[in-house]
Amino acid sequence: MDLPSFDFAFLPAWFDDLGCLPQVYSLKKVVHNANKEGLRPEDYHLNQIEEMHHQLLKEFKAKGLFDPQQVADLDLLLTDTFLIYAFHLLEGRVNPETFQTKWHPKCHKRDIIHVLQMALDTGQIEESLESLVPKYPAYERLRTTLMLYRDISTGGGWPHFPNGDDIQKGMHPNQLIPLINRLIISGDIDQNPYVISDLLDDKLDQGIRRFQQRHGLMIDGTIGPDTLRALNIPSKERVRQIELNLERWRWLPRDLGHRFIVVNIADFKARLFENNQSIMEMKVVVGKDYRQTPVFSGRMTYLVLSPYWYIPRKLAVEDKLPLIHQDPNYLIRQHITVFQVHKGRIEKVDPKMVDWSAVNADNFQYKLCQEPGPWNPLGRIKFMFPNKYAVYLHDTSSQDLFEEMSRTFSSGCIRIEKPIELATYLLKEDPNWTREKIIEQIQRNVETTIRIPEPIPVHVLYWTAWTNEDSTVEFRQDIYGRDMLLEQALHESIPAP
């Protein structure tokens, strides 16, 4: 590079005496492909870099030398681009704790300045940035699915059905062609050559059921209102949904554990994984809309058989106190013990001696504790992974709720369908706690705390789009409206350099 004599404090990072280093072109290539990560190339000064680079080369062609100010400006812009893009790959495009998503996982940390220096020294820009991308197989599968759904969207998407009457099985074959094509496009019916008459019965029914399964719907093979709504969601919205969930992956710890539990709030499911393979699955009940289950990671260290329920003050005041007002014997019938803090000491109180009609949210000074038994909403077992939200997994006395499709009934904690099976798995290394002994101890109705021999990570997450081990993509409704909030945050502009 033919530069005039100038006293530089620092040498350029992206230029040498001959001009732009190959690293410049590598960085532009990576940023141009940022959309494969669900990110926007324009967020990383790509247009500005291209324009400045073009102007720099134009000046050199005209004058035979580079303008040092233009070199410095572009050099700083390239560095800024690398650092911002690297940070977004590592931590996410947005900070989830800056908006109301209730997502508080632990994030992975790396020295991005060191990553930049090594990338410049070795010339491995693409490799260095790729090393910051989440290495979960599920992330890679979802990234591949994003490109597939983008192709579907740019190719025109799929048919829209104004109402369910237009697509009922048993109709004339020609009337079912749009439905069949819709299911072929989304991979629910094999796109090999077919004869319409062959699809009217089993194949069409199987295609509808597969679609329903992938969208968390009632699997009945009929086009009801919920199935119709899911069929009519445009492909471009599914693309955006995948992009949002790729962002959520970037918020996660880079190591989930060799075995771990994942609770997907939006799917109402919990899964137990060993070596990235799901070995146990169960339904869950999560928080109501106004008592949403938060997202976070914890470490399960112990479980409690026949647990007491120490009712949080908020629930005692909002849920229990109205019932006590209605029925003076409610506390006795529900086996709830009342305590009062008096002169710094907690004393047991006879509920019959309290004038509950005079007790309200402002003067409620009691602690309520429900004894173990079939009346206890925690059921037979609770699984503890201490956290600041006081959220845990537990059994339930309301097993019928697992039959509902949408299961937002709790006050934030997570009720699980298979507590005995999970406890047996967690204690399998302890010969003192076989399945039979666990059940036997529960039947005694005596609270018993048991340490888990090998504590296990628990990740309470919120996925509305993901792929299974066989690469099948699944979508769920945004039950808490968190996709909308995340999309708004992603659309906010990055501050100018």
Protein backbone atom coordinates (compact mmCIF):
# COMPACT_ATOMS: atom_id res chain seq x y z
CA MET A 1 0.00 0.00 0.00
CA ASP A 2 1.58 3.30 -1.11
CA LEU A 3 0.78 5.54 1.86
CA PRO A 4 2.27 8.98 2.48
CA SER A 5 4.56 9.42 5.46
CA PHE A 6 2.28 9.48 8.49
CA ASP A 7 2.82 8.80 12.17
CA PHE A 8 0.34 5.99 12.95
CA ALA A 9 -0.14 4.93 16.57
CA PHE A 10 -1.52 1.56 15.42
CA LEU A 11 -1.15 -0.51 12.27
CA PRO A 12 -4.34 -1.40 10.35
CA ALA A 13 -5.76 -4.82 11.18
CA TRP A 14 -7.31 -5.55 7.80
CA PHE A 15 -4.73 -3.98 5.45
CA ASP A 16 -1.04 -4.31 4.68
CA ASP A 17 1.32 -2.56 2.28
CA LEU A 18 -0.33 -4.23 -0.70
CA GLY A 19 -3.89 -3.30 0.20
CA CYS A 20 -6.80 -5.29 1.61
CA LEU A 21 -5.89 -8.56 3.26
CA PRO A 22 -7.82 -11.73 2.25
CA GLN A 23 -9.47 -11.53 5.68
CA VAL A 24 -11.60 -8.63 4.40
CA TYR A 25 -13.18 -10.78 1.72
CA SER A 26 -13.65 -13.64 4.17
CA LEU A 27 -15.47 -11.38 6.62
CA LYS A 28 -17.72 -9.98 3.89
CA LYS A 29 -18.58 -13.54 2.83
CA VAL A 30 -19.48 -14.59 6.38
CA VAL A 31 -21.63 -11.52 7.00
CA HIS A 32 -23.34 -11.96 3.63
CA ASN A 33 -24.37 -15.45 4.83
CA ALA A 34 -25.56 -14.27 8.26
CA ASN A 35 -29.13 -15.07 7.24
CA LYS A 36 -28.35 -18.79 7.53
CA GLU A 37 -28.15 -18.16 11.29
CA GLY A 38 -31.45 -16.30 11.20
CA LEU A 39 -29.60 -12.95 11.41
CA ARG A 40 -29.71 -9.99 9.00
CA PRO A 41 -26.55 -9.10 7.01
CA GLU A 42 -27.59 -5.44 6.93
CA ASP A 43 -27.24 -5.31 10.73
CA TYR A 44 -23.49 -5.71 10.33
CA HIS A 45 -22.67 -2.71 8.10
CA LEU A 46 -22.45 -4.91 5.00
CA ASN A 47 -23.76 -2.26 2.60
CA GLN A 48 -21.54 0.40 4.14
CA ILE A 49 -18.50 -1.87 3.96
CA GLU A 50 -19.18 -2.70 0.31
CA GLU A 51 -19.58 0.99 -0.54
CA MET A 52 -16.43 2.08 1.33
CA HIS A 53 -14.42 -0.78 -0.10
CA HIS A 54 -15.56 0.07 -3.62
CA GLN A 55 -14.69 3.76 -3.10
CA LEU A 56 -11.27 2.85 -1.74
CA LEU A 57 -10.45 0.74 -4.78
CA LYS A 58 -11.81 3.44 -7.08
CA GLU A 59 -9.53 6.04 -5.47
CA PHE A 60 -6.54 3.75 -5.81
CA LYS A 61 -7.26 3.11 -9.49
CA ALA A 62 -7.57 6.83 -10.15
CA LYS A 63 -4.64 8.11 -8.04
CA GLY A 64 -2.40 5.10 -7.52
CA LEU A 65 -2.58 5.31 -3.73
CA PHE A 66 -4.99 4.78 -0.88
CA ASP A 67 -6.50 7.55 1.18
CA PRO A 68 -5.23 6.87 4.73
CA GLN A 69 -8.40 8.28 6.29
CA GLN A 70 -10.56 5.95 4.20
CA VAL A 71 -8.30 3.03 5.13
CA ALA A 72 -8.63 3.87 8.83
CA ASP A 73 -12.40 4.27 8.62
CA LEU A 74 -12.91 0.99 6.81
CA ASP A 75 -10.46 -0.80 9.09
CA LEU A 76 -12.40 0.30 12.17
CA LEU A 77 -15.71 -0.59 10.56
CA LEU A 78 -14.49 -4.10 9.70
CA THR A 79 -13.32 -4.61 13.28
CA ASP A 80 -16.64 -3.35 14.61
CA THR A 81 -18.47 -5.74 12.27
CA PHE A 82 -16.43 -8.74 13.40
CA LEU A 83 -16.91 -7.97 17.09
CA ILE A 84 -20.66 -7.33 16.87
CA TYR A 85 -21.32 -10.39 14.72
CA ALA A 86 -19.11 -12.56 16.94
CA PHE A 87 -20.95 -11.36 20.04
CA HIS A 88 -24.33 -12.07 18.46
CA LEU A 89 -23.27 -15.60 17.52
CA LEU A 90 -22.03 -16.22 21.03
CA GLU A 91 -24.67 -14.50 23.17
CA GLY A 92 -27.56 -13.68 20.83
CA ARG A 93 -28.67 -10.67 18.83
CA VAL A 94 -30.67 -9.34 21.78
CA ASN A 95 -30.27 -9.62 25.53
CA PRO A 96 -33.31 -11.60 26.72
CA GLU A 97 -33.25 -9.93 30.14
CA THR A 98 -33.81 -6.47 28.63
CA PHE A 99 -37.38 -7.21 27.60
CA GLN A 100 -40.25 -9.13 29.16
CA THR A 101 -39.58 -12.68 28.01
CA LYS A 102 -38.89 -14.22 31.43
CA TRP A 103 -35.83 -15.93 29.93
CA HIS A 104 -32.91 -16.07 32.36
CA PRO A 105 -30.50 -18.82 31.30
CA LYS A 106 -26.79 -18.92 32.02
CA CYS A 107 -24.75 -17.82 29.01
CA HIS A 108 -21.41 -19.02 27.72
CA LYS A 109 -18.53 -16.54 27.89
CA ARG A 110 -15.48 -16.19 25.65
CA ASP A 111 -12.91 -13.49 25.07
CA ILE A 112 -14.08 -12.12 21.71
CA ILE A 113 -11.09 -9.78 21.44
CA HIS A 114 -8.84 -12.84 21.63
CA VAL A 115 -10.98 -14.58 18.99
CA LEU A 116 -10.55 -11.53 16.70
CA GLN A 117 -6.79 -11.40 17.20
CA MET A 118 -6.40 -15.11 16.46
CA ALA A 119 -8.62 -14.82 13.39
CA LEU A 120 -6.52 -11.96 12.03
CA ASP A 121 -3.22 -13.66 12.84
CA THR A 122 -4.18 -16.97 11.24
CA GLY A 123 -6.40 -15.62 8.48
CA GLN A 124 -9.16 -17.98 9.61
CA ILE A 125 -12.04 -15.51 9.78
CA GLU A 126 -14.76 -17.96 8.72
CA GLU A 127 -13.50 -20.72 11.00
CA SER A 128 -13.18 -18.41 14.01
CA LEU A 129 -16.72 -17.08 13.67
CA GLU A 130 -18.11 -20.54 13.00
CA SER A 131 -16.55 -21.70 16.27
CA LEU A 132 -18.89 -19.32 18.12
CA VAL A 133 -22.05 -20.87 16.64
CA PRO A 134 -23.91 -23.25 19.02
CA LYS A 135 -22.69 -26.80 18.40
CA TYR A 136 -25.86 -28.59 19.40
CA PRO A 137 -27.09 -31.07 16.77
CA ALA A 138 -30.57 -29.60 17.24
CA TYR A 139 -29.28 -26.13 16.30
CA GLU A 140 -27.68 -27.43 13.13
CA ARG A 141 -30.88 -29.27 12.19
CA LEU A 142 -32.96 -26.15 12.77
CA ARG A 143 -30.51 -24.10 10.71
CA THR A 144 -30.94 -26.57 7.84
CA THR A 145 -34.71 -26.42 8.26
CA LEU A 146 -34.58 -22.62 8.00
CA MET A 147 -33.07 -22.84 4.52
CA LEU A 148 -35.70 -25.40 3.48
CA TYR A 149 -38.57 -23.20 4.65
CA ARG A 150 -37.02 -20.15 3.02
CA ASP A 151 -37.01 -22.06 -0.26
CA ILE A 152 -40.68 -22.92 0.27
CA SER A 153 -41.52 -19.28 1.00
CA THR A 154 -39.61 -17.82 -1.94
CA GLY A 155 -41.19 -20.48 -4.15
CA GLY A 156 -44.67 -19.17 -3.40
CA GLY A 157 -45.47 -20.89 -0.13
CA TRP A 158 -48.51 -23.13 0.14
CA PRO A 159 -52.26 -22.86 -0.57
CA HIS A 160 -54.58 -20.92 1.74
CA PHE A 161 -57.96 -22.41 2.69
CA PRO A 162 -60.68 -19.83 3.48
CA ASN A 163 -62.74 -22.28 5.53
CA GLY A 164 -62.80 -25.90 6.60
CA ASP A 165 -65.72 -26.81 4.36
CA ASP A 166 -63.38 -26.60 1.39
CA ILE A 167 -61.14 -29.47 2.52
CA GLN A 168 -63.06 -32.39 3.96
CA LYS A 169 -62.16 -35.99 3.29
CA GLY A 170 -64.69 -37.83 1.18
CA MET A 171 -65.04 -34.98 -1.31
CA HIS A 172 -64.41 -35.35 -5.05
CA PRO A 173 -60.73 -36.14 -5.67
CA ASN A 174 -60.09 -32.95 -7.64
CA GLN A 175 -61.34 -30.84 -4.72
CA LEU A 176 -58.69 -32.37 -2.47
CA ILE A 177 -55.72 -31.55 -4.69
CA PRO A 178 -54.93 -28.24 -2.87
CA LEU A 179 -54.87 -30.03 0.49
CA ILE A 180 -52.71 -32.82 -0.87
CA ASN A 181 -50.29 -30.31 -2.39
CA ARG A 182 -50.21 -28.38 0.88
CA LEU A 183 -49.21 -31.53 2.79
CA ILE A 184 -46.65 -32.50 0.15
CA ILE A 185 -44.96 -29.07 0.35
CA SER A 186 -44.62 -29.33 4.15
CA GLY A 187 -43.38 -32.93 3.92
CA ASP A 188 -46.42 -34.54 5.53
CA ILE A 189 -47.16 -36.61 2.42
CA ASP A 190 -44.38 -38.19 0.38
CA GLN A 191 -43.92 -36.16 -2.78
CA ASN A 192 -43.22 -39.20 -4.93
CA PRO A 193 -45.61 -39.48 -7.91
CA TYR A 194 -49.06 -40.38 -6.67
CA VAL A 195 -52.55 -41.18 -7.89
CA ILE A 196 -55.28 -39.03 -6.32
CA SER A 197 -57.49 -42.03 -5.62
CA ASP A 198 -54.66 -43.61 -3.64
CA LEU A 199 -54.53 -40.61 -1.33
CA LEU A 200 -58.20 -40.36 -0.45
CA ASP A 201 -58.07 -42.81 2.40
CA ASP A 202 -55.05 -44.01 4.33
CA LYS A 203 -52.35 -41.78 2.83
CA LEU A 204 -54.34 -38.58 3.19
CA ASP A 205 -55.43 -39.54 6.69
CA GLN A 206 -51.81 -40.29 7.63
CA GLY A 207 -50.67 -36.98 6.14
CA ILE A 208 -53.22 -35.00 8.16
CA ARG A 209 -52.31 -36.87 11.34
CA ARG A 210 -48.60 -36.29 10.78
CA PHE A 211 -49.29 -32.57 10.29
CA GLN A 212 -51.35 -32.49 13.49
CA GLN A 213 -48.64 -34.29 15.45
CA ARG A 214 -45.98 -31.82 14.26
CA HIS A 215 -48.10 -28.88 15.40
CA GLY A 216 -49.16 -30.22 18.80
CA LEU A 217 -52.81 -30.62 17.75
CA MET A 218 -55.45 -33.22 18.52
CA ILE A 219 -54.50 -36.14 16.26
CA ASP A 220 -57.82 -37.21 14.74
CA GLY A 221 -57.28 -36.94 10.98
CA THR A 222 -60.00 -34.31 10.56
CA ILE A 223 -59.68 -30.66 9.50
CA GLY A 224 -61.13 -28.90 12.53
CA PRO A 225 -60.67 -25.20 13.40
CA ASP A 226 -57.26 -25.68 15.08
CA THR A 227 -55.86 -27.74 12.22
CA LEU A 228 -57.24 -25.26 9.68
CA ARG A 229 -55.63 -22.37 11.52
CA ALA A 230 -52.26 -24.14 11.50
CA LEU A 231 -52.58 -25.03 7.80
CA ASN A 232 -53.21 -21.37 6.97
CA ILE A 233 -50.20 -19.91 8.77
CA PRO A 234 -48.09 -18.54 5.86
CA SER A 235 -44.72 -20.11 5.17
CA LYS A 236 -42.98 -16.74 5.73
CA GLU A 237 -44.32 -16.74 9.32
CA ARG A 238 -42.90 -20.22 9.85
CA VAL A 239 -39.56 -18.92 8.55
CA ARG A 240 -39.63 -16.12 11.09
CA GLN A 241 -40.62 -18.55 13.84
CA ILE A 242 -37.56 -20.68 13.07
CA GLU A 243 -35.34 -17.58 13.12
CA LEU A 244 -36.66 -16.61 16.55
CA ASN A 245 -35.89 -20.03 17.97
CA LEU A 246 -32.38 -20.04 16.51
CA GLU A 247 -31.87 -16.86 18.52
CA ARG A 248 -33.05 -18.65 21.67
CA TRP A 249 -30.44 -21.35 21.11
CA ARG A 250 -27.73 -18.69 21.24
CA TRP A 251 -28.84 -17.72 24.74
CA LEU A 252 -28.16 -21.19 26.13
CA PRO A 253 -25.11 -22.56 27.93
CA ARG A 254 -22.82 -24.21 25.37
CA ASP A 255 -22.79 -27.45 27.39
CA LEU A 256 -26.20 -28.75 28.45
CA GLY A 257 -24.67 -31.81 30.12
CA HIS A 258 -24.15 -35.43 29.07
CA ARG A 259 -27.55 -36.11 30.57
CA PHE A 260 -30.13 -33.45 31.28
CA ILE A 261 -33.82 -32.65 31.53
CA VAL A 262 -35.48 -30.21 29.14
CA VAL A 263 -38.90 -28.74 29.85
CA ASN A 264 -40.39 -27.04 26.81
CA ILE A 265 -43.05 -24.72 28.17
CA ALA A 266 -44.71 -24.11 24.79
CA ASP A 267 -44.86 -27.86 24.05
CA PHE A 268 -46.18 -28.83 27.52
CA LYS A 269 -43.59 -31.62 27.54
CA ALA A 270 -40.51 -32.65 29.51
CA ARG A 271 -37.81 -34.87 28.08
CA LEU A 272 -34.89 -36.65 29.68
CA PHE A 273 -31.75 -36.85 27.51
CA GLU A 274 -28.65 -39.01 27.64
CA ASN A 275 -25.89 -38.30 25.12
CA ASN A 276 -28.29 -36.08 23.16
CA GLN A 277 -30.82 -38.91 22.81
CA SER A 278 -34.29 -38.61 24.36
CA ILE A 279 -34.86 -41.58 26.68
CA MET A 280 -37.99 -40.44 28.54
CA GLU A 281 -40.84 -38.10 27.66
CA MET A 282 -43.83 -36.89 29.65
CA LYS A 283 -46.56 -34.28 29.61
CA VAL A 284 -46.31 -31.27 31.89
CA VAL A 285 -48.57 -28.54 33.24
CA VAL A 286 -47.05 -25.04 33.23
CA GLY A 287 -47.93 -21.60 34.56
CA LYS A 288 -51.05 -19.66 33.73
CA ASP A 289 -50.68 -16.61 31.50
CA TYR A 290 -50.60 -14.28 34.51
CA ARG A 291 -48.23 -16.61 36.44
CA GLN A 292 -45.92 -17.61 33.65
CA THR A 293 -43.23 -20.22 34.12
CA PRO A 294 -39.82 -18.53 33.69
CA VAL A 295 -37.00 -19.82 31.50
CA PHE A 296 -33.76 -20.70 33.24
CA SER A 297 -31.24 -23.46 33.86
CA GLY A 298 -30.71 -25.18 37.21
CA ARG A 299 -29.15 -28.25 38.77
CA MET A 300 -31.41 -30.84 40.37
CA THR A 301 -29.76 -32.09 43.53
CA TYR A 302 -32.49 -33.77 45.58
CA LEU A 303 -36.10 -34.90 45.61
CA VAL A 304 -38.71 -35.08 48.35
CA LEU A 305 -41.20 -37.90 48.82
CA SER A 306 -44.58 -37.07 50.39
CA PRO A 307 -43.73 -33.35 50.52
CA TYR A 308 -45.37 -30.71 52.63
CA TRP A 309 -46.54 -27.72 50.63
CA TYR A 310 -45.36 -24.46 52.11
CA ILE A 311 -47.84 -22.19 50.38
CA PRO A 312 -46.22 -18.97 49.07
CA ARG A 313 -47.73 -15.81 50.55
CA LYS A 314 -48.93 -14.59 47.16
CA LEU A 315 -50.91 -17.79 46.58
CA ALA A 316 -52.11 -17.88 50.20
CA VAL A 317 -53.56 -14.37 49.86
CA GLU A 318 -54.85 -14.55 46.28
CA ASP A 319 -56.05 -18.17 46.11
CA LYS A 320 -56.54 -19.56 49.60
CA LEU A 321 -57.87 -16.60 51.58
CA PRO A 322 -61.04 -16.23 49.45
CA LEU A 323 -61.75 -19.95 49.98
CA ILE A 324 -61.22 -19.56 53.73
CA HIS A 325 -63.68 -16.65 53.75
CA GLN A 326 -66.26 -18.82 52.02
CA ASP A 327 -65.75 -21.89 54.20
CA PRO A 328 -64.40 -21.58 57.80
CA ASN A 329 -63.60 -25.32 57.78
CA TYR A 330 -61.60 -25.14 54.55
CA LEU A 331 -58.22 -25.24 56.31
CA ILE A 332 -59.13 -28.26 58.42
CA ARG A 333 -60.62 -30.19 55.50
CA GLN A 334 -57.54 -29.50 53.39
CA HIS A 335 -55.12 -30.51 56.16
CA ILE A 336 -53.53 -27.06 56.20
CA THR A 337 -51.63 -25.98 59.30
CA VAL A 338 -51.53 -22.29 60.18
CA PHE A 339 -48.49 -20.53 61.63
CA GLN A 340 -48.03 -16.96 62.77
CA VAL A 341 -44.88 -14.92 63.29
CA HIS A 342 -45.08 -13.52 66.82
CA LYS A 343 -42.25 -11.58 68.48
CA GLY A 344 -39.76 -13.04 66.04
CA ARG A 345 -40.94 -16.60 66.61
CA ILE A 346 -43.13 -18.79 64.43
CA GLU A 347 -46.00 -20.26 66.42
CA LYS A 348 -48.67 -22.74 65.42
CA VAL A 349 -52.16 -21.26 65.46
CA ASP A 350 -55.54 -22.92 65.83
CA PRO A 351 -57.38 -21.77 62.67
CA LYS A 352 -60.68 -21.76 64.62
CA MET A 353 -59.29 -19.06 66.86
CA VAL A 354 -58.66 -16.66 63.98
CA ASP A 355 -61.30 -14.18 62.84
CA TRP A 356 -60.71 -14.79 59.15
CA SER A 357 -63.39 -12.31 58.12
CA ALA A 358 -61.08 -9.55 59.38
CA VAL A 359 -58.03 -10.89 57.54
CA ASN A 360 -57.17 -9.40 54.16
CA ALA A 361 -54.17 -9.03 51.86
CA ASP A 362 -52.85 -6.05 53.82
CA ASN A 363 -52.86 -7.62 57.29
CA PHE A 364 -52.22 -11.29 56.36
CA GLN A 365 -49.47 -12.37 58.77
CA TYR A 366 -49.80 -16.14 58.54
CA LYS A 367 -47.88 -18.99 56.94
CA LEU A 368 -49.86 -21.92 55.57
CA CYS A 369 -48.50 -25.45 55.28
CA GLN A 370 -50.39 -28.37 53.75
CA GLU A 371 -49.66 -31.89 54.99
CA PRO A 372 -48.66 -34.76 52.65
CA GLY A 373 -51.51 -36.76 51.20
CA PRO A 374 -53.90 -37.03 48.25
CA TRP A 375 -55.20 -33.50 48.98
CA ASN A 376 -51.75 -31.97 48.48
CA PRO A 377 -51.33 -30.36 45.00
CA LEU A 378 -47.63 -31.29 44.99
CA GLY A 379 -48.69 -34.93 44.83
CA ARG A 380 -46.29 -37.65 45.91
CA ILE A 381 -42.89 -36.21 44.88
CA LYS A 382 -41.22 -32.88 44.22
CA PHE A 383 -37.89 -32.53 42.40
CA MET A 384 -35.70 -29.67 43.57
CA PHE A 385 -33.19 -27.61 41.61
CA PRO A 386 -32.78 -24.49 43.80
CA ASN A 387 -33.35 -21.21 41.94
CA LYS A 388 -34.44 -17.65 42.67
CA TYR A 389 -37.90 -18.25 41.19
CA ALA A 390 -38.81 -21.04 43.66
CA VAL A 391 -39.85 -23.15 40.65
CA TYR A 392 -39.53 -26.93 40.70
CA LEU A 393 -40.97 -30.10 39.15
CA HIS A 394 -43.61 -32.01 41.07
CA ASP A 395 -46.35 -34.59 40.91
CA THR A 396 -49.97 -33.43 41.07
CA SER A 397 -53.24 -34.48 42.63
CA SER A 398 -55.06 -33.34 39.44
CA GLN A 399 -54.05 -36.02 36.97
CA ASP A 400 -56.99 -35.20 34.70
CA LEU A 401 -55.26 -32.00 33.57
CA PHE A 402 -52.79 -34.05 31.53
CA GLU A 403 -55.63 -34.95 29.18
CA GLU A 404 -55.98 -31.31 28.10
CA MET A 405 -54.17 -30.16 24.94
CA SER A 406 -53.22 -26.76 26.32
CA ARG A 407 -51.96 -27.14 29.89
CA THR A 408 -51.46 -23.70 31.45
CA PHE A 409 -52.96 -24.32 34.88
CA SER A 410 -50.18 -23.96 37.44
CA SER A 411 -48.91 -20.99 39.43
CA GLY A 412 -45.49 -21.20 37.79
CA CYS A 413 -44.13 -24.56 38.96
CA ILE A 414 -44.12 -27.53 36.59
CA ARG A 415 -46.36 -30.54 37.21
CA ILE A 416 -45.10 -33.73 35.57
CA GLU A 417 -46.94 -36.79 34.34
CA LYS A 418 -44.44 -39.51 35.34
CA PRO A 419 -42.93 -38.65 38.74
CA ILE A 420 -42.33 -42.27 39.83
CA GLU A 421 -40.52 -43.09 36.58
CA LEU A 422 -38.35 -39.99 36.85
CA ALA A 423 -37.51 -40.64 40.51
CA THR A 424 -36.61 -44.24 39.73
CA TYR A 425 -34.24 -43.10 36.99
CA LEU A 426 -32.58 -40.42 39.14
CA LEU A 427 -32.02 -42.87 42.03
CA LYS A 428 -31.03 -45.89 39.94
CA GLU A 429 -27.46 -45.74 41.28
CA ASP A 430 -28.72 -46.00 44.87
CA PRO A 431 -29.72 -49.59 45.75
CA ASN A 432 -31.68 -48.29 48.74
CA TRP A 433 -34.24 -46.66 46.44
CA THR A 434 -35.71 -49.06 43.93
CA ARG A 435 -39.08 -48.30 42.38
CA GLU A 436 -40.78 -50.55 44.91
CA LYS A 437 -39.07 -48.87 47.87
CA ILE A 438 -39.95 -45.43 46.57
CA ILE A 439 -43.63 -46.35 46.35
CA GLU A 440 -43.53 -48.04 49.74
CA GLN A 441 -42.09 -44.93 51.38
CA ILE A 442 -44.65 -42.67 49.67
CA GLN A 443 -47.47 -44.75 51.07
CA ARG A 444 -46.29 -43.90 54.59
CA ASN A 445 -47.11 -40.22 54.05
CA VAL A 446 -43.90 -39.18 55.79
CA GLU A 447 -41.88 -36.41 54.18
CA THR A 448 -38.53 -37.87 53.10
CA THR A 449 -35.66 -35.98 51.42
CA ILE A 450 -33.31 -37.96 49.18
CA ARG A 451 -30.11 -36.67 47.61
CA ILE A 452 -29.65 -37.55 43.94
CA PRO A 453 -26.36 -39.51 43.55
CA GLU A 454 -25.50 -37.69 40.32
CA PRO A 455 -27.14 -34.23 40.18
CA ILE A 456 -28.65 -33.46 36.79
CA PRO A 457 -29.02 -30.17 34.86
CA VAL A 458 -32.56 -28.97 34.22
CA HIS A 459 -33.25 -26.53 31.39
CA VAL A 460 -36.67 -24.90 31.42
CA LEU A 461 -37.02 -23.53 27.89
CA TYR A 462 -39.54 -21.96 25.53
CA TRP A 463 -39.35 -23.42 22.02
CA THR A 464 -42.08 -22.70 19.48
CA ALA A 465 -40.09 -24.36 16.66
CA TRP A 466 -37.54 -27.16 16.82
CA THR A 467 -36.43 -30.32 15.04
CA ASN A 468 -36.40 -33.85 16.40
CA GLU A 469 -33.56 -36.35 16.04
CA ASP A 470 -35.05 -37.54 12.71
CA SER A 471 -35.05 -33.89 11.47
CA THR A 472 -38.84 -33.60 11.67
CA VAL A 473 -39.69 -29.96 12.33
CA GLU A 474 -42.32 -29.16 14.95
CA PHE A 475 -44.19 -25.91 15.65
CA ARG A 476 -46.20 -24.79 18.67
CA GLN A 477 -48.39 -21.85 19.54
CA ASP A 478 -46.80 -18.88 21.25
CA ILE A 479 -48.83 -19.39 24.43
CA TYR A 480 -47.25 -16.50 26.36
CA GLY A 481 -46.81 -14.08 23.44
CA ARG A 482 -43.03 -14.22 23.77
CA ASP A 483 -42.37 -14.66 20.03
CA MET A 484 -43.98 -11.29 19.36
CA LEU A 485 -41.81 -9.57 21.99
CA LEU A 486 -38.66 -11.21 20.67
CA GLU A 487 -39.48 -10.24 17.10
CA GLN A 488 -39.94 -6.63 18.14
CA ALA A 489 -36.56 -6.67 19.87
CA LEU A 490 -34.83 -8.23 16.86
CA HIS A 491 -36.18 -5.48 14.62
CA GLU A 492 -34.57 -2.75 16.68
CA SER A 493 -31.60 -1.20 14.93
CA ILE A 494 -28.05 -1.73 16.10
CA PRO A 495 -26.43 1.58 17.12
CA ALA A 496 -24.23 3.09 14.43
CA PRO A 497 -20.47 2.55 14.86
